[in-house]
Amino acid sequence: MKHIKRIEALQEMVKTGGLSGALLFYSRDVFYYTGTAQPSYLFVSPHHTFLFVRMGSDLVFREAKIKKENIREERQLENIFKEISPLIGKGGRMGTELDVLPANRFLEFRKIFSQFEIVDISPLLLHQRKRKDPSEIETIRKACSAIHKGHERVLSVFRVGMTELELAAAVENAHRLAGHEGTFFIRQPDFFMSRGPLASGPNLYQTSGAVYSITGVGLSPSVPSGPSTRKIEKGDLVVVDIPVLVEGYHADQSRTYAVGKAKDETKKLFQSLRKIADHLIDRAKPGMKCFDLYHMSIVRAKELHVEKPFLNFGAGQKSKIIGHGIGIEVNEPPTLSSYDHSPISEGYVFALEVHMRDEKFGVVKLEDMILIGAKKNEILTTTPRELFEVG
């Protein structure tokens, strides 16, 4: 039923947007509307819905949550056009996901739909996906439970002298055994980030341009983020930020670990970081703009006299982001940033992601999943929000 309602909402957007129809191909969008991620084209007009399956039709007939009579087996875009032509007329506007459509396929679209203007429908789809329904929130809770298993594995296997890669592999294995599907999705062509960031000691100060966060240095310049073969030493700080995907929905969490006893100054940094996060979680309300929350974090950092290390990337650079929407993709709109002025609403789920960087006392990070409620917000991640001393 929920998939039917999602399609009905999309049909209304198509209608009010003056589109003849929308033809979706991106697996995450197809999954959101139909319940299957098999290679397909989903055609939606104000009054019709058809799923054209390119491969895996047997699975689609078992998985898809739309009417079976609306499912077709067809690989060729030209044949799809012929079938839907009576429904869309001889001209107008056809929507598709231009933000993830390769140029060569765009040229194919434009050739086949030559009488139509091809327009980007992704902003409408992403806006619809901002608000999570109860079933989505329940699945996100499962993902948060899986990510907690990674934290438990850190506490149980960590030893001084193990490499970042060994620790990351242990975390990733725990995630997999807890239901992680082994990949994650981000709506950005040519994106790469190993299985997720993990960094220790001096590697915490090396930030790759591939990810706007604490990244680690990776195993080689080929993928310059994630864990390396560096051995973790006593006195190091370690940040683990490895996301999971469970039943199509992501969880994203960061925790900081001190190897041995943490310095008092490092503890103070983390305590201030948590105070800023708590301040935002307590005060975020429907109707506020994303920019408002970002600005609120900057003001709170100044009140706590930590404006210099807060969101610091070094070399005079500061992060302009303190969080992001999360769901079917690990990073999706809206963005808690200095530039996103869109409002937040009840049912939005954010990964609130903040860090401190001090050249003397290290780098600490805290990231949690936050559900925006009508009266009170909820922290969905279950791992204690502490600076952990290990080893």
Protein backbone atom coordinates (compact mmCIF):
# COMPACT_ATOMS: atom_id res chain seq x y z
CA MET A 1 0.00 0.00 0.00
CA LYS A 2 2.81 2.43 0.84
CA HIS A 3 4.33 2.00 -2.64
CA ILE A 4 0.99 2.75 -4.27
CA LYS A 5 0.70 5.94 -2.21
CA ARG A 6 4.23 6.95 -3.21
CA ILE A 7 3.40 6.47 -6.88
CA GLU A 8 0.15 8.40 -6.49
CA ALA A 9 2.12 11.29 -4.97
CA LEU A 10 4.56 11.12 -7.88
CA GLN A 11 1.67 11.12 -10.36
CA GLU A 12 0.37 14.30 -8.75
CA MET A 13 3.82 15.91 -9.04
CA VAL A 14 3.97 14.91 -12.70
CA LYS A 15 0.56 16.44 -13.28
CA THR A 16 1.14 19.70 -11.40
CA GLY A 17 4.60 19.99 -12.99
CA GLY A 18 3.09 19.99 -16.45
CA LEU A 19 4.88 16.80 -17.49
CA SER A 20 3.61 14.24 -19.96
CA GLY A 21 5.23 11.60 -17.79
CA ALA A 22 8.36 10.48 -15.97
CA LEU A 23 10.68 7.64 -16.91
CA LEU A 24 12.90 6.57 -14.00
CA PHE A 25 15.87 4.22 -14.26
CA TYR A 26 18.04 4.82 -11.16
CA SER A 27 17.87 1.74 -8.92
CA ARG A 28 17.22 3.64 -5.68
CA ASP A 29 14.27 5.52 -7.14
CA VAL A 30 12.83 2.39 -8.73
CA PHE A 31 13.21 0.60 -5.37
CA TYR A 32 11.50 3.43 -3.49
CA TYR A 33 8.42 3.36 -5.72
CA THR A 34 8.14 -0.36 -6.53
CA GLY A 35 9.99 -2.38 -3.89
CA THR A 36 12.42 -3.93 -6.38
CA ALA A 37 15.89 -2.81 -7.44
CA GLN A 38 16.16 -5.08 -10.46
CA PRO A 39 17.28 -3.22 -13.65
CA SER A 40 14.11 -1.53 -14.85
CA TYR A 41 12.49 1.58 -16.27
CA LEU A 42 9.56 2.89 -14.26
CA PHE A 43 7.12 4.93 -16.35
CA VAL A 44 4.65 7.14 -14.50
CA SER A 45 2.08 9.47 -16.06
CA PRO A 46 -0.82 11.23 -14.33
CA HIS A 47 -3.00 8.17 -14.87
CA HIS A 48 -0.70 5.23 -15.68
CA THR A 49 2.18 3.23 -14.18
CA PHE A 50 4.30 0.62 -15.93
CA LEU A 51 7.49 -1.11 -14.86
CA PHE A 52 9.59 -2.23 -17.82
CA VAL A 53 12.04 -4.87 -16.60
CA ARG A 54 15.35 -5.13 -18.40
CA MET A 55 16.64 -8.19 -16.52
CA GLY A 56 15.55 -10.33 -13.57
CA SER A 57 11.85 -10.43 -14.36
CA ASP A 58 11.23 -13.57 -12.28
CA LEU A 59 12.51 -11.75 -9.19
CA VAL A 60 10.55 -8.64 -10.05
CA PHE A 61 7.26 -10.53 -10.16
CA ARG A 62 8.00 -11.81 -6.64
CA GLU A 63 9.37 -8.57 -5.19
CA ALA A 64 7.49 -5.69 -6.79
CA LYS A 65 4.71 -4.07 -4.78
CA ILE A 66 2.79 -2.79 -7.78
CA LYS A 67 0.10 -4.54 -9.78
CA LYS A 68 1.49 -7.47 -11.75
CA GLU A 69 -0.45 -6.43 -14.87
CA ASN A 70 1.61 -3.23 -14.88
CA ILE A 71 4.90 -5.12 -15.20
CA ARG A 72 6.44 -5.69 -18.64
CA GLU A 73 9.62 -7.43 -19.74
CA GLU A 74 11.44 -5.06 -22.10
CA ARG A 75 15.08 -4.02 -22.48
CA GLN A 76 14.95 -1.60 -25.40
CA LEU A 77 14.16 2.04 -24.71
CA GLU A 78 12.85 2.47 -28.21
CA ASN A 79 10.26 -0.28 -27.68
CA ILE A 80 9.26 1.29 -24.36
CA PHE A 81 8.68 4.56 -26.16
CA LYS A 82 6.43 2.85 -28.69
CA GLU A 83 4.34 1.29 -25.94
CA ILE A 84 3.85 4.48 -23.93
CA SER A 85 3.43 6.80 -26.94
CA PRO A 86 -0.40 6.55 -26.93
CA LEU A 87 -0.32 7.73 -23.29
CA ILE A 88 1.96 10.74 -23.66
CA GLY A 89 0.96 12.24 -27.00
CA LYS A 90 3.34 13.68 -29.58
CA GLY A 91 5.13 16.32 -27.58
CA GLY A 92 5.60 17.94 -24.19
CA ARG A 93 7.97 17.45 -21.29
CA MET A 94 9.36 14.11 -20.09
CA GLY A 95 11.03 13.86 -16.69
CA THR A 96 13.96 11.65 -15.77
CA GLU A 97 16.90 11.66 -13.33
CA LEU A 98 19.30 13.92 -15.20
CA ASP A 99 21.64 14.20 -12.20
CA VAL A 100 22.63 10.53 -12.56
CA LEU A 101 22.03 10.00 -16.30
CA PRO A 102 25.30 9.48 -18.25
CA ALA A 103 25.72 11.73 -21.28
CA ASN A 104 25.62 8.87 -23.79
CA ARG A 105 22.31 7.65 -22.38
CA PHE A 106 20.98 11.20 -22.35
CA LEU A 107 21.70 11.39 -26.07
CA GLU A 108 19.75 8.14 -26.51
CA PHE A 109 16.84 9.56 -24.50
CA ARG A 110 16.84 12.74 -26.55
CA LYS A 111 16.93 10.84 -29.83
CA ILE A 112 14.06 8.50 -28.96
CA PHE A 113 11.96 11.18 -27.24
CA SER A 114 12.85 13.69 -29.95
CA GLN A 115 9.52 15.54 -29.74
CA PHE A 116 9.83 15.99 -25.98
CA GLU A 117 11.83 18.29 -23.76
CA ILE A 118 13.81 16.10 -21.35
CA VAL A 119 13.72 17.69 -17.87
CA ASP A 120 15.25 16.80 -14.50
CA ILE A 121 12.71 15.28 -12.13
CA SER A 122 15.25 14.34 -9.42
CA PRO A 123 14.55 17.40 -7.23
CA LEU A 124 10.88 16.35 -6.99
CA LEU A 125 11.77 12.75 -6.15
CA LEU A 126 14.31 13.75 -3.51
CA HIS A 127 11.87 16.19 -1.94
CA GLN A 128 9.26 13.45 -1.65
CA ARG A 129 11.82 11.16 0.00
CA LYS A 130 12.77 13.69 2.72
CA ARG A 131 9.91 12.70 5.00
CA LYS A 132 10.17 9.10 6.22
CA ASP A 133 7.04 7.05 6.81
CA PRO A 134 6.73 4.70 9.83
CA SER A 135 7.92 1.65 7.88
CA GLU A 136 11.02 3.50 6.72
CA ILE A 137 11.81 4.63 10.26
CA GLU A 138 11.44 1.06 11.51
CA THR A 139 13.91 -0.15 8.88
CA ILE A 140 16.33 2.65 9.78
CA ARG A 141 16.15 1.44 13.38
CA LYS A 142 17.32 -1.99 12.16
CA ALA A 143 20.23 -0.32 10.40
CA CYS A 144 21.13 1.54 13.60
CA SER A 145 21.15 -1.77 15.48
CA ALA A 146 23.51 -3.22 12.87
CA ILE A 147 25.90 -0.28 13.08
CA HIS A 148 26.04 -0.65 16.86
CA LYS A 149 27.44 -4.16 16.35
CA GLY A 150 30.46 -2.55 14.70
CA HIS A 151 31.08 -0.46 17.81
CA GLU A 152 30.82 -3.55 20.01
CA ARG A 153 33.40 -5.25 17.81
CA VAL A 154 35.83 -2.37 18.31
CA LEU A 155 35.58 -2.82 22.07
CA SER A 156 36.07 -6.58 21.87
CA VAL A 157 38.92 -6.92 19.33
CA PHE A 158 40.97 -3.75 19.61
CA ARG A 159 44.61 -4.13 20.55
CA VAL A 160 47.56 -1.77 20.33
CA GLY A 161 49.56 -2.50 17.19
CA MET A 162 46.68 -3.66 14.98
CA THR A 163 46.38 -1.75 11.72
CA GLU A 164 43.57 0.55 10.73
CA LEU A 165 42.69 -1.98 8.03
CA GLU A 166 42.46 -4.84 10.53
CA LEU A 167 40.16 -2.79 12.75
CA ALA A 168 38.01 -1.70 9.81
CA ALA A 169 37.71 -5.28 8.58
CA ALA A 170 36.53 -6.40 12.04
CA VAL A 171 33.93 -3.62 12.12
CA GLU A 172 32.76 -4.38 8.59
CA ASN A 173 32.47 -8.09 9.35
CA ALA A 174 30.32 -7.34 12.40
CA HIS A 175 28.11 -5.10 10.28
CA ARG A 176 27.69 -7.81 7.65
CA LEU A 177 26.75 -10.45 10.19
CA ALA A 178 24.17 -8.01 11.60
CA GLY A 179 22.46 -7.56 8.23
CA HIS A 180 24.53 -4.94 6.36
CA GLU A 181 24.06 -5.51 2.62
CA GLY A 182 27.71 -4.80 1.85
CA THR A 183 27.47 -1.53 -0.05
CA PHE A 184 26.07 1.96 0.26
CA PHE A 185 24.57 4.46 -2.16
CA ILE A 186 25.27 8.10 -2.72
CA ARG A 187 23.74 10.10 -5.56
CA GLN A 188 26.95 11.28 -7.12
CA PRO A 189 28.60 9.97 -10.31
CA ASP A 190 32.16 8.66 -9.90
CA PHE A 191 31.94 8.64 -6.12
CA PHE A 192 34.38 6.45 -4.21
CA MET A 193 35.10 5.94 -0.51
CA SER A 194 36.15 2.35 0.31
CA ARG A 195 33.70 0.89 2.86
CA GLY A 196 33.79 4.01 5.00
CA PRO A 197 36.22 6.29 6.84
CA LEU A 198 38.45 5.03 9.61
CA ALA A 199 41.54 6.93 10.70
CA SER A 200 43.97 7.10 13.61
CA GLY A 201 46.70 9.36 14.99
CA PRO A 202 48.26 11.59 12.32
CA ASN A 203 45.95 10.21 9.63
CA LEU A 204 43.07 12.07 11.29
CA TYR A 205 44.66 15.29 10.04
CA GLN A 206 44.77 14.11 6.40
CA THR A 207 41.49 14.98 4.68
CA SER A 208 40.78 13.74 1.17
CA GLY A 209 38.86 15.90 -1.26
CA ALA A 210 36.66 12.90 -2.10
CA VAL A 211 34.61 13.24 1.11
CA TYR A 212 33.73 16.39 3.03
CA SER A 213 34.56 14.88 6.39
CA ILE A 214 37.26 13.10 8.39
CA THR A 215 38.33 10.61 5.74
CA GLY A 216 41.49 8.68 6.54
CA VAL A 217 44.09 8.20 3.82
CA GLY A 218 43.15 4.83 2.32
CA LEU A 219 45.42 2.08 1.04
CA SER A 220 46.71 3.95 -2.00
CA PRO A 221 46.17 7.15 -4.04
CA SER A 222 43.64 5.14 -6.09
CA VAL A 223 41.06 5.47 -3.29
CA PRO A 224 42.47 8.14 -0.94
CA SER A 225 40.04 7.63 1.94
CA GLY A 226 39.30 4.97 4.49
CA PRO A 227 41.65 2.79 6.56
CA SER A 228 45.34 2.38 5.83
CA THR A 229 47.95 -0.17 6.91
CA ARG A 230 49.19 2.19 9.65
CA LYS A 231 49.61 0.46 13.02
CA ILE A 232 47.55 2.09 15.77
CA GLU A 233 49.70 3.19 18.69
CA LYS A 234 49.15 3.94 22.34
CA GLY A 235 48.11 7.57 22.76
CA ASP A 236 46.33 7.68 19.39
CA LEU A 237 42.80 8.79 18.78
CA VAL A 238 40.76 6.65 16.38
CA VAL A 239 37.61 7.75 14.52
CA VAL A 240 35.31 5.07 13.06
CA ASP A 241 32.69 6.31 10.58
CA ILE A 242 31.60 3.27 8.56
CA PRO A 243 27.95 3.31 7.37
CA VAL A 244 25.65 0.34 6.85
CA LEU A 245 22.75 -0.53 4.57
CA VAL A 246 19.97 -2.77 5.87
CA GLU A 247 16.94 -3.68 3.73
CA GLY A 248 17.61 -0.67 1.51
CA TYR A 249 18.09 1.96 4.25
CA HIS A 250 21.28 3.40 5.68
CA ALA A 251 22.61 4.21 9.12
CA ASP A 252 25.61 6.50 9.58
CA GLN A 253 27.43 6.91 12.87
CA SER A 254 30.81 8.19 14.06
CA ARG A 255 32.51 7.35 17.33
CA THR A 256 35.90 8.37 18.70
CA TYR A 257 38.20 6.06 20.66
CA ALA A 258 41.27 6.99 22.70
CA VAL A 259 44.00 4.35 22.84
CA GLY A 260 44.91 4.33 26.50
CA LYS A 261 43.89 7.14 28.82
CA ALA A 262 42.62 10.21 26.97
CA LYS A 263 44.20 13.58 27.73
CA ASP A 264 42.08 15.88 29.86
CA GLU A 265 42.15 18.49 27.08
CA THR A 266 40.90 15.90 24.58
CA LYS A 267 38.08 14.96 26.94
CA LYS A 268 37.12 18.63 27.17
CA LEU A 269 37.08 18.91 23.38
CA PHE A 270 34.74 15.94 23.14
CA GLN A 271 32.52 17.20 25.96
CA SER A 272 32.12 20.52 24.15
CA LEU A 273 31.38 18.68 20.91
CA ARG A 274 28.63 16.68 22.57
CA LYS A 275 27.20 19.82 24.18
CA ILE A 276 26.90 21.40 20.72
CA ALA A 277 25.23 18.28 19.32
CA ASP A 278 22.85 18.05 22.29
CA HIS A 279 22.01 21.74 21.88
CA LEU A 280 20.96 21.14 18.27
CA ILE A 281 19.06 17.93 19.00
CA ASP A 282 17.08 19.61 21.79
CA ARG A 283 16.19 22.72 19.76
CA ALA A 284 15.64 21.53 16.20
CA LYS A 285 11.96 21.98 15.33
CA PRO A 286 9.77 21.56 12.26
CA GLY A 287 9.69 24.81 10.30
CA MET A 288 13.26 25.78 11.12
CA LYS A 289 15.59 26.07 8.15
CA CYS A 290 18.67 23.93 7.72
CA PHE A 291 20.76 27.09 7.78
CA ASP A 292 19.26 28.00 11.18
CA LEU A 293 20.66 24.82 12.74
CA TYR A 294 24.07 25.37 11.18
CA HIS A 295 24.16 28.93 12.49
CA MET A 296 22.99 27.70 15.90
CA SER A 297 25.96 25.32 16.06
CA ILE A 298 28.41 28.14 15.31
CA VAL A 299 26.90 30.35 18.01
CA ARG A 300 27.02 27.51 20.56
CA ALA A 301 30.67 26.79 19.72
CA LYS A 302 31.51 30.44 20.41
CA GLU A 303 29.66 30.31 23.72
CA LEU A 304 31.76 27.29 24.70
CA HIS A 305 34.95 29.01 23.45
CA VAL A 306 35.69 26.22 20.95
CA GLU A 307 34.94 28.09 17.73
CA LYS A 308 38.52 27.55 16.50
CA PRO A 309 38.62 23.71 16.65
CA PHE A 310 34.91 23.27 15.82
CA LEU A 311 34.47 21.99 12.23
CA ASN A 312 38.15 22.77 11.60
CA PHE A 313 39.80 21.06 8.61
CA GLY A 314 43.13 22.86 9.00
CA ALA A 315 44.85 25.40 6.76
CA GLY A 316 42.10 27.89 7.56
CA GLN A 317 39.33 25.67 6.19
CA LYS A 318 36.07 25.01 8.02
CA SER A 319 33.30 22.59 7.21
CA LYS A 320 30.10 24.28 6.03
CA ILE A 321 28.07 21.17 6.84
CA ILE A 322 26.96 19.72 10.18
CA GLY A 323 24.70 16.98 8.88
CA HIS A 324 22.73 15.49 6.03
CA GLY A 325 19.53 13.70 5.26
CA ILE A 326 19.79 9.93 5.15
CA GLY A 327 17.58 7.07 4.03
CA ILE A 328 17.70 5.14 0.77
CA GLU A 329 20.94 6.99 0.10
CA VAL A 330 23.59 7.58 2.76
CA ASN A 331 23.66 11.26 1.93
CA GLU A 332 20.48 12.84 0.59
CA PRO A 333 18.66 16.18 0.91
CA PRO A 334 18.26 18.27 2.89
CA THR A 335 21.71 19.32 4.12
CA LEU A 336 22.32 20.98 7.48
CA SER A 337 24.66 23.58 6.06
CA SER A 338 25.49 27.23 5.67
CA TYR A 339 23.84 27.26 2.23
CA ASP A 340 20.66 25.12 2.50
CA HIS A 341 17.73 27.39 3.40
CA SER A 342 15.05 24.73 2.99
CA PRO A 343 12.83 24.02 6.02
CA ILE A 344 12.96 20.84 8.08
CA SER A 345 9.83 18.91 8.91
CA GLU A 346 8.47 16.19 11.16
CA GLY A 347 9.56 12.78 9.90
CA TYR A 348 12.91 13.95 8.53
CA VAL A 349 15.93 11.85 9.52
CA PHE A 350 19.34 13.49 9.70
CA ALA A 351 22.84 12.25 10.35
CA LEU A 352 24.08 15.03 12.64
CA GLU A 353 27.84 15.03 11.98
CA VAL A 354 30.25 17.31 13.86
CA HIS A 355 33.93 17.25 14.74
CA MET A 356 36.69 19.14 16.54
CA ARG A 357 40.26 19.42 15.30
CA ASP A 358 42.98 20.74 17.58
CA GLU A 359 46.60 20.60 16.46
CA LYS A 360 47.77 19.65 19.97
CA PHE A 361 44.98 17.57 21.42
CA GLY A 362 43.71 15.68 18.41
CA VAL A 363 40.60 15.14 16.32
CA VAL A 364 37.31 13.95 17.82
CA LYS A 365 34.06 13.30 15.98
CA LEU A 366 30.45 12.51 16.90
CA GLU A 367 27.71 11.52 14.47
CA ASP A 368 24.21 10.29 15.23
CA MET A 369 20.94 9.63 13.45
CA ILE A 370 18.23 12.08 14.53
CA LEU A 371 14.49 11.77 13.85
CA ILE A 372 12.67 15.11 13.83
CA GLY A 373 9.43 14.86 15.81
CA ALA A 374 6.44 17.16 16.16
CA LYS A 375 7.25 17.85 19.82
CA LYS A 376 10.49 16.01 20.60
CA ASN A 377 13.36 14.67 18.53
CA GLU A 378 14.71 11.14 18.90
CA ILE A 379 18.25 9.82 18.66
CA LEU A 380 17.93 6.65 16.58
CA THR A 381 21.51 5.44 16.99
CA THR A 382 21.92 3.33 20.12
CA THR A 383 25.69 3.39 20.72
CA PRO A 384 26.58 5.44 23.84
CA ARG A 385 27.66 8.94 22.84
CA GLU A 386 30.97 8.94 24.69
CA LEU A 387 34.70 9.21 24.12
CA PHE A 388 35.78 5.58 24.60
CA GLU A 389 39.12 4.58 26.09
CA VAL A 390 40.38 1.27 24.62
CA GLY A 391 43.56 -0.77 24.67
